[in-house]
C-alpha atoms as a PDB file:
ATOM      1  CA  MET A   1       0.000   0.000   0.000  1.00  0.00           C
ATOM      2  CA  ASN A   2       1.468   3.381  -0.949  1.00  0.00           C
ATOM      3  CA  ASN A   3       1.768   6.252   1.579  1.00  0.00           C
ATOM      4  CA  GLU A   4      -1.122   8.244   0.081  1.00  0.00           C
ATOM      5  CA  MET A   5      -3.514   5.279   0.386  1.00  0.00           C
ATOM      6  CA  HIS A   6      -2.280   4.557   3.926  1.00  0.00           C
ATOM      7  CA  ASN A   7      -2.825   8.197   5.008  1.00  0.00           C
ATOM      8  CA  ASP A   8      -6.311   8.245   3.427  1.00  0.00           C
ATOM      9  CA  LEU A   9      -7.293   5.044   5.243  1.00  0.00           C
ATOM     10  CA  ASN A  10      -5.768   6.318   8.477  1.00  0.00           C
ATOM     11  CA  ASN A  11      -7.798   9.555   8.208  1.00  0.00           C
ATOM     12  CA  LYS A  12     -11.008   7.571   7.756  1.00  0.00           C
ATOM     13  CA  ILE A  13     -10.271   5.466  10.839  1.00  0.00           C
ATOM     14  CA  HIS A  14      -8.883   8.181  13.130  1.00  0.00           C
ATOM     15  CA  ASP A  15      -9.985  11.695  14.034  1.00  0.00           C
ATOM     16  CA  LYS A  16      -7.237  14.109  12.898  1.00  0.00           C
ATOM     17  CA  LYS A  17      -7.386  16.202  16.101  1.00  0.00           C
ATOM     18  CA  ASP A  18      -6.579  13.591  18.682  1.00  0.00           C
ATOM     19  CA  GLN A  19      -5.940  10.438  16.665  1.00  0.00           C
ATOM     20  CA  GLU A  20      -8.800   8.679  18.531  1.00  0.00           C
ATOM     21  CA  PRO A  21     -10.349   5.827  16.572  1.00  0.00           C
ATOM     22  CA  LYS A  22     -13.647   6.547  14.819  1.00  0.00           C
ATOM     23  CA  LEU A  23     -15.705   3.602  16.003  1.00  0.00           C
ATOM     24  CA  ILE A  24     -18.396   4.340  13.447  1.00  0.00           C
ATOM     25  CA  ASN A  25     -16.158   2.421  11.022  1.00  0.00           C
ATOM     26  CA  CYS A  26     -15.382  -0.424  13.458  1.00  0.00           C
ATOM     27  CA  ALA A  27     -16.524  -3.796  12.118  1.00  0.00           C
ATOM     28  CA  CYS A  28     -16.798  -5.282  15.625  1.00  0.00           C
ATOM     29  CA  ARG A  29     -18.960  -2.438  16.935  1.00  0.00           C
ATOM     30  CA  ASN A  30     -21.215  -2.472  13.883  1.00  0.00           C
ATOM     31  CA  LEU A  31     -21.597  -6.258  13.898  1.00  0.00           C
ATOM     32  CA  ARG A  32     -22.500  -6.260  17.603  1.00  0.00           C
ATOM     33  CA  MET A  33     -25.090  -3.494  17.146  1.00  0.00           C
ATOM     34  CA  THR A  34     -26.564  -5.219  14.108  1.00  0.00           C
ATOM     35  CA  ALA A  35     -26.600  -8.577  15.888  1.00  0.00           C
ATOM     36  CA  ARG A  36     -28.605  -7.027  18.738  1.00  0.00           C
ATOM     37  CA  VAL A  37     -31.135  -5.519  16.318  1.00  0.00           C
ATOM     38  CA  VAL A  38     -31.498  -8.743  14.312  1.00  0.00           C
ATOM     39  CA  THR A  39     -31.765 -10.834  17.490  1.00  0.00           C
ATOM     40  CA  GLN A  40     -34.517  -8.561  18.804  1.00  0.00           C
ATOM     41  CA  PHE A  41     -36.294  -8.814  15.438  1.00  0.00           C
ATOM     42  CA  TYR A  42     -36.273 -12.643  15.565  1.00  0.00           C
ATOM     43  CA  ASP A  43     -37.143 -12.725  19.283  1.00  0.00           C
ATOM     44  CA  LYS A  44     -40.210 -10.593  18.585  1.00  0.00           C
ATOM     45  CA  ALA A  45     -41.167 -12.779  15.613  1.00  0.00           C
ATOM     46  CA  LEU A  46     -40.869 -15.934  17.742  1.00  0.00           C
ATOM     47  CA  GLN A  47     -42.644 -14.435  20.762  1.00  0.00           C
ATOM     48  CA  ASP A  48     -45.894 -16.393  20.238  1.00  0.00           C
ATOM     49  CA  SER A  49     -43.945 -19.652  20.365  1.00  0.00           C
ATOM     50  CA  GLY A  50     -42.467 -18.841  23.765  1.00  0.00           C
ATOM     51  CA  LEU A  51     -38.936 -19.321  22.415  1.00  0.00           C
ATOM     52  CA  LYS A  52     -36.113 -16.826  22.067  1.00  0.00           C
ATOM     53  CA  SER A  53     -34.127 -16.885  18.832  1.00  0.00           C
ATOM     54  CA  THR A  54     -31.147 -18.481  20.599  1.00  0.00           C
ATOM     55  CA  GLN A  55     -33.358 -21.248  22.007  1.00  0.00           C
ATOM     56  CA  PHE A  56     -34.940 -21.860  18.607  1.00  0.00           C
ATOM     57  CA  ALA A  57     -31.523 -22.067  16.960  1.00  0.00           C
ATOM     58  CA  LEU A  58     -30.179 -24.492  19.579  1.00  0.00           C
ATOM     59  CA  LEU A  59     -33.286 -26.697  19.390  1.00  0.00           C
ATOM     60  CA  ASN A  60     -32.961 -26.730  15.620  1.00  0.00           C
ATOM     61  CA  ASP A  61     -29.247 -27.578  15.817  1.00  0.00           C
ATOM     62  CA  ILE A  62     -29.901 -30.401  18.296  1.00  0.00           C
ATOM     63  CA  SER A  63     -32.794 -31.809  16.262  1.00  0.00           C
ATOM     64  CA  SER A  64     -30.578 -31.946  13.165  1.00  0.00           C
ATOM     65  CA  LYS A  65     -28.478 -34.603  14.935  1.00  0.00           C
ATOM     66  CA  LYS A  66     -30.430 -37.865  14.821  1.00  0.00           C
ATOM     67  CA  ASP A  67     -28.662 -39.469  17.789  1.00  0.00           C
ATOM     68  CA  GLY A  68     -28.280 -36.288  19.819  1.00  0.00           C
ATOM     69  CA  ILE A  69     -25.223 -34.177  20.449  1.00  0.00           C
ATOM     70  CA  SER A  70     -22.820 -33.446  23.322  1.00  0.00           C
ATOM     71  CA  VAL A  71     -22.401 -29.995  24.841  1.00  0.00           C
ATOM     72  CA  ASN A  72     -18.892 -29.727  23.351  1.00  0.00           C
ATOM     73  CA  GLU A  73     -20.106 -30.688  19.882  1.00  0.00           C
ATOM     74  CA  LEU A  74     -23.042 -28.288  20.132  1.00  0.00           C
ATOM     75  CA  ALA A  75     -20.739 -25.475  21.239  1.00  0.00           C
ATOM     76  CA  ARG A  76     -18.469 -26.058  18.232  1.00  0.00           C
ATOM     77  CA  TYR A  77     -21.407 -26.513  15.857  1.00  0.00           C
ATOM     78  CA  SER A  78     -23.155 -23.327  17.016  1.00  0.00           C
ATOM     79  CA  MET A  79     -19.902 -21.342  17.420  1.00  0.00           C
ATOM     80  CA  MET A  80     -20.649 -20.584  21.083  1.00  0.00           C
ATOM     81  CA  ASP A  81     -18.599 -21.104  24.201  1.00  0.00           C
ATOM     82  CA  GLN A  82     -19.378 -24.184  26.278  1.00  0.00           C
ATOM     83  CA  THR A  83     -20.578 -22.180  29.302  1.00  0.00           C
ATOM     84  CA  THR A  84     -23.174 -20.310  27.229  1.00  0.00           C
ATOM     85  CA  VAL A  85     -24.392 -23.541  25.623  1.00  0.00           C
ATOM     86  CA  THR A  86     -24.636 -25.239  29.023  1.00  0.00           C
ATOM     87  CA  ARG A  87     -26.641 -22.327  30.453  1.00  0.00           C
ATOM     88  CA  ASN A  88     -29.040 -22.348  27.479  1.00  0.00           C
ATOM     89  CA  ILE A  89     -29.407 -26.137  27.535  1.00  0.00           C
ATOM     90  CA  ASP A  90     -30.299 -25.960  31.215  1.00  0.00           C
ATOM     91  CA  ILE A  91     -33.147 -23.532  30.413  1.00  0.00           C
ATOM     92  CA  LEU A  92     -34.352 -25.781  27.574  1.00  0.00           C
ATOM     93  CA  ARG A  93     -34.181 -28.809  29.882  1.00  0.00           C
ATOM     94  CA  LYS A  94     -36.129 -27.074  32.662  1.00  0.00           C
ATOM     95  CA  ASN A  95     -38.831 -26.209  30.113  1.00  0.00           C
ATOM     96  CA  GLY A  96     -38.946 -29.837  28.985  1.00  0.00           C
ATOM     97  CA  TYR A  97     -37.718 -29.119  25.451  1.00  0.00           C
ATOM     98  CA  VAL A  98     -34.581 -31.262  25.617  1.00  0.00           C
ATOM     99  CA  GLU A  99     -33.454 -34.386  27.401  1.00  0.00           C
ATOM    100  CA  VAL A 100     -29.939 -34.596  28.785  1.00  0.00           C
ATOM    101  CA  LYS A 101     -28.603 -38.077  29.455  1.00  0.00           C
ATOM    102  CA  THR A 102     -25.212 -39.504  30.308  1.00  0.00           C
ATOM    103  CA  GLN A 103     -23.490 -41.008  27.288  1.00  0.00           C
ATOM    104  CA  GLU A 104     -23.075 -44.779  27.425  1.00  0.00           C
ATOM    105  CA  GLN A 105     -19.474 -44.674  26.145  1.00  0.00           C
ATOM    106  CA  ASP A 106     -18.274 -41.978  28.575  1.00  0.00           C
ATOM    107  CA  SER A 107     -20.214 -41.206  31.752  1.00  0.00           C
ATOM    108  CA  ARG A 108     -18.515 -37.792  31.995  1.00  0.00           C
ATOM    109  CA  LYS A 109     -20.237 -36.637  28.803  1.00  0.00           C
ATOM    110  CA  LYS A 110     -23.878 -35.725  28.342  1.00  0.00           C
ATOM    111  CA  ASN A 111     -25.948 -36.413  25.243  1.00  0.00           C
ATOM    112  CA  ILE A 112     -28.642 -33.866  24.384  1.00  0.00           C
ATOM    113  CA  THR A 113     -31.742 -34.725  22.364  1.00  0.00           C
ATOM    114  CA  VAL A 114     -34.953 -32.816  21.614  1.00  0.00           C
ATOM    115  CA  SER A 115     -37.926 -34.114  23.615  1.00  0.00           C
ATOM    116  CA  ASP A 116     -41.402 -34.598  22.163  1.00  0.00           C
ATOM    117  CA  VAL A 117     -42.407 -31.297  23.792  1.00  0.00           C
ATOM    118  CA  GLY A 118     -39.391 -29.647  22.153  1.00  0.00           C
ATOM    119  CA  LYS A 119     -40.334 -31.082  18.753  1.00  0.00           C
ATOM    120  CA  GLU A 120     -43.809 -29.571  19.140  1.00  0.00           C
ATOM    121  CA  LYS A 121     -42.229 -26.218  20.066  1.00  0.00           C
ATOM    122  CA  LEU A 122     -40.087 -26.372  16.943  1.00  0.00           C
ATOM    123  CA  LYS A 123     -43.175 -27.094  14.808  1.00  0.00           C
ATOM    124  CA  LEU A 124     -44.923 -24.107  16.371  1.00  0.00           C
ATOM    125  CA  ALA A 125     -41.922 -21.792  15.988  1.00  0.00           C
ATOM    126  CA  ALA A 126     -40.809 -22.832  12.473  1.00  0.00           C
ATOM    127  CA  PRO A 127     -43.452 -20.868  10.529  1.00  0.00           C
ATOM    128  CA  LEU A 128     -42.826 -17.809  12.718  1.00  0.00           C
ATOM    129  CA  TRP A 129     -39.107 -18.074  11.974  1.00  0.00           C
ATOM    130  CA  LYS A 130     -39.820 -18.538   8.242  1.00  0.00           C
ATOM    131  CA  ASN A 131     -41.925 -15.355   8.202  1.00  0.00           C
ATOM    132  CA  ALA A 132     -39.161 -13.415   9.965  1.00  0.00           C
ATOM    133  CA  GLN A 133     -36.599 -14.856   7.578  1.00  0.00           C
ATOM    134  CA  LEU A 134     -38.673 -13.825   4.562  1.00  0.00           C
ATOM    135  CA  LYS A 135     -39.191 -10.297   5.949  1.00  0.00           C
ATOM    136  CA  LEU A 136     -35.482  -9.892   6.529  1.00  0.00           C
ATOM    137  CA  GLN A 137     -34.627 -11.151   3.045  1.00  0.00           C
ATOM    138  CA  GLN A 138     -37.219  -8.863   1.469  1.00  0.00           C
ATOM    139  CA  SER A 139     -35.991  -5.862   3.439  1.00  0.00           C
ATOM    140  CA  ILE A 140     -32.547  -5.985   1.820  1.00  0.00           C
ATOM    141  CA  GLY A 141     -33.319  -7.884  -1.384  1.00  0.00           C
ATOM    142  CA  ALA A 142     -32.459 -11.430  -2.433  1.00  0.00           C
ATOM    143  CA  GLU A 143     -29.094 -10.622  -4.024  1.00  0.00           C
ATOM    144  CA  GLN A 144     -27.931  -8.443  -1.133  1.00  0.00           C
ATOM    145  CA  TYR A 145     -29.054 -11.136   1.316  1.00  0.00           C
ATOM    146  CA  LYS A 146     -26.987 -13.740  -0.534  1.00  0.00           C
ATOM    147  CA  VAL A 147     -23.921 -11.457  -0.394  1.00  0.00           C
ATOM    148  CA  PHE A 148     -24.645 -10.794   3.295  1.00  0.00           C
ATOM    149  CA  LEU A 149     -24.600 -14.525   4.126  1.00  0.00           C
ATOM    150  CA  GLU A 150     -21.433 -15.037   2.077  1.00  0.00           C
ATOM    151  CA  THR A 151     -19.756 -12.170   3.934  1.00  0.00           C
ATOM    152  CA  LEU A 152     -20.808 -13.576   7.306  1.00  0.00           C
ATOM    153  CA  SER A 153     -19.413 -16.950   6.298  1.00  0.00           C
ATOM    154  CA  LEU A 154     -16.072 -15.364   5.393  1.00  0.00           C
ATOM    155  CA  LEU A 155     -15.965 -13.459   8.680  1.00  0.00           C
ATOM    156  CA  GLN A 156     -16.545 -16.660  10.633  1.00  0.00           C
ATOM    157  CA  GLU A 157     -13.187 -17.897   9.332  1.00  0.00           C
ATOM    158  CA  ILE A 158     -11.190 -14.957  10.730  1.00  0.00           C
ATOM    159  CA  GLU A 159      -8.510 -15.873  13.248  1.00  0.00           C
END
């Protein structure tokens, strides 16, 4: 990158007076704000089902595994830390949406499956989620939505 390009980029990121970062251009800040807005949008859409968007996503992830899934596997699969997954699974278990049993091969590990009550919750919530999904796609357009998902996928690979 030549000096002129570097200075131009630096001016866009920093305020000239005090060289403080302009967080309006910060990807992390913008992603977090957008994630909150989108989460609230889906939570409101799912409200009649009694599920939050995170609970719906976890139930869906668990149900996609025929023989169940361990907390560690679910954490990796959903890109969440194990503590957060454990806390959310406990809420789902208390509501009767999942069953948590000790794995036969290793008694230290738990296997999580969706209960019959949880399957009914998913059936109730699925059309609500689909409507929210469609609204979101329509709000930015099909092509932009496709680019959005591709960009998110690329960002998930950042180290």
